[in-house]
Protein backbone atom coordinates (compact mmCIF):
# COMPACT_ATOMS: atom_id res chain seq x y z
CA MET A 1 -24.00 -13.14 -34.31
CA ASN A 2 -25.88 -9.96 -34.48
CA THR A 3 -24.63 -6.76 -33.37
CA LYS A 4 -26.29 -6.78 -30.31
CA GLY A 5 -24.65 -10.04 -28.98
CA ARG A 6 -21.27 -8.92 -30.32
CA THR A 7 -21.74 -5.64 -28.04
CA LEU A 8 -22.88 -7.85 -24.66
CA ALA A 9 -19.99 -10.18 -25.21
CA LEU A 10 -17.45 -7.31 -25.25
CA ILE A 11 -19.15 -5.48 -22.24
CA GLY A 12 -19.01 -9.17 -20.46
CA ALA A 13 -15.11 -9.47 -21.69
CA TRP A 14 -14.35 -6.18 -20.12
CA LEU A 15 -16.09 -6.87 -16.95
CA GLN A 16 -14.56 -10.07 -16.70
CA LEU A 17 -11.37 -8.38 -16.94
CA GLY A 18 -12.09 -5.79 -14.00
CA PRO A 19 -10.83 -7.54 -11.08
CA LEU A 20 -7.49 -8.07 -13.00
CA PHE A 21 -7.04 -4.22 -13.52
CA GLY A 22 -7.76 -3.79 -9.77
CA LEU A 23 -4.96 -6.31 -9.24
CA ILE A 24 -2.46 -4.30 -11.21
CA GLY A 25 -3.71 -1.11 -9.24
CA THR A 26 -2.89 -2.68 -6.12
CA ILE A 27 0.57 -3.73 -6.89
CA ILE A 28 1.45 -0.14 -8.39
CA GLY A 29 -0.29 1.44 -5.16
CA MET A 30 1.97 -1.10 -3.02
CA ILE A 31 5.18 -0.57 -5.30
CA SER A 32 4.62 3.06 -4.84
CA ALA A 33 4.35 2.92 -1.01
CA PHE A 34 7.42 0.80 -0.28
CA GLN A 35 9.31 3.38 -2.63
CA THR A 36 7.83 6.12 -0.36
CA MET A 37 8.83 4.06 2.76
CA GLY A 38 12.41 3.44 1.36
CA GLU A 39 13.10 7.29 0.27
CA GLY A 40 11.78 8.93 3.61
CA GLY A 41 11.20 6.01 5.97
CA MET A 42 7.93 6.57 8.03
CA GLY A 43 8.52 10.48 8.44
CA LYS A 44 5.84 11.34 6.09
CA PRO A 45 3.01 9.03 6.97
CA GLU A 46 0.53 11.11 4.68
CA ALA A 47 2.66 10.09 1.63
CA LEU A 48 2.63 6.79 2.61
CA ALA A 49 -1.27 6.92 3.21
CA GLU A 50 -1.78 8.38 -0.22
CA ASP A 51 -0.12 5.49 -1.84
CA ILE A 52 -2.41 2.97 0.30
CA HIS A 53 -5.36 4.90 -0.52
CA PHE A 54 -4.55 4.63 -4.20
CA ALA A 55 -4.07 0.59 -3.86
CA LEU A 56 -7.33 -0.10 -1.86
CA ILE A 57 -9.46 2.09 -4.21
CA THR A 58 -7.94 0.39 -7.29
CA THR A 59 -8.95 -3.02 -5.09
CA ALA A 60 -12.41 -1.92 -4.20
CA ILE A 61 -13.16 -0.64 -8.08
CA GLY A 62 -12.10 -4.22 -9.48
CA LEU A 63 -13.76 -6.16 -6.99
CA VAL A 64 -17.38 -4.18 -7.76
CA ILE A 65 -16.56 -4.35 -11.52
CA GLY A 66 -15.86 -8.60 -11.13
CA LEU A 67 -19.27 -8.79 -9.16
CA ILE A 68 -21.15 -7.06 -11.78
CA GLY A 69 -19.39 -9.11 -14.25
């Protein structure tokens, strides 16, 4: 296989892994959100919103990468 073919195969492999990275980010964000709720309850909704924001952004990025791939 030539260099160009290897490069395209490597790019394709990384694009296929995009949704997996998005899912991992979602799990990390939700774990963090539940920890925030466990520590302070619902007294700090902005801290909870920050964690959920992280989870949703990583999900969206993973989906976009998956669609491209």
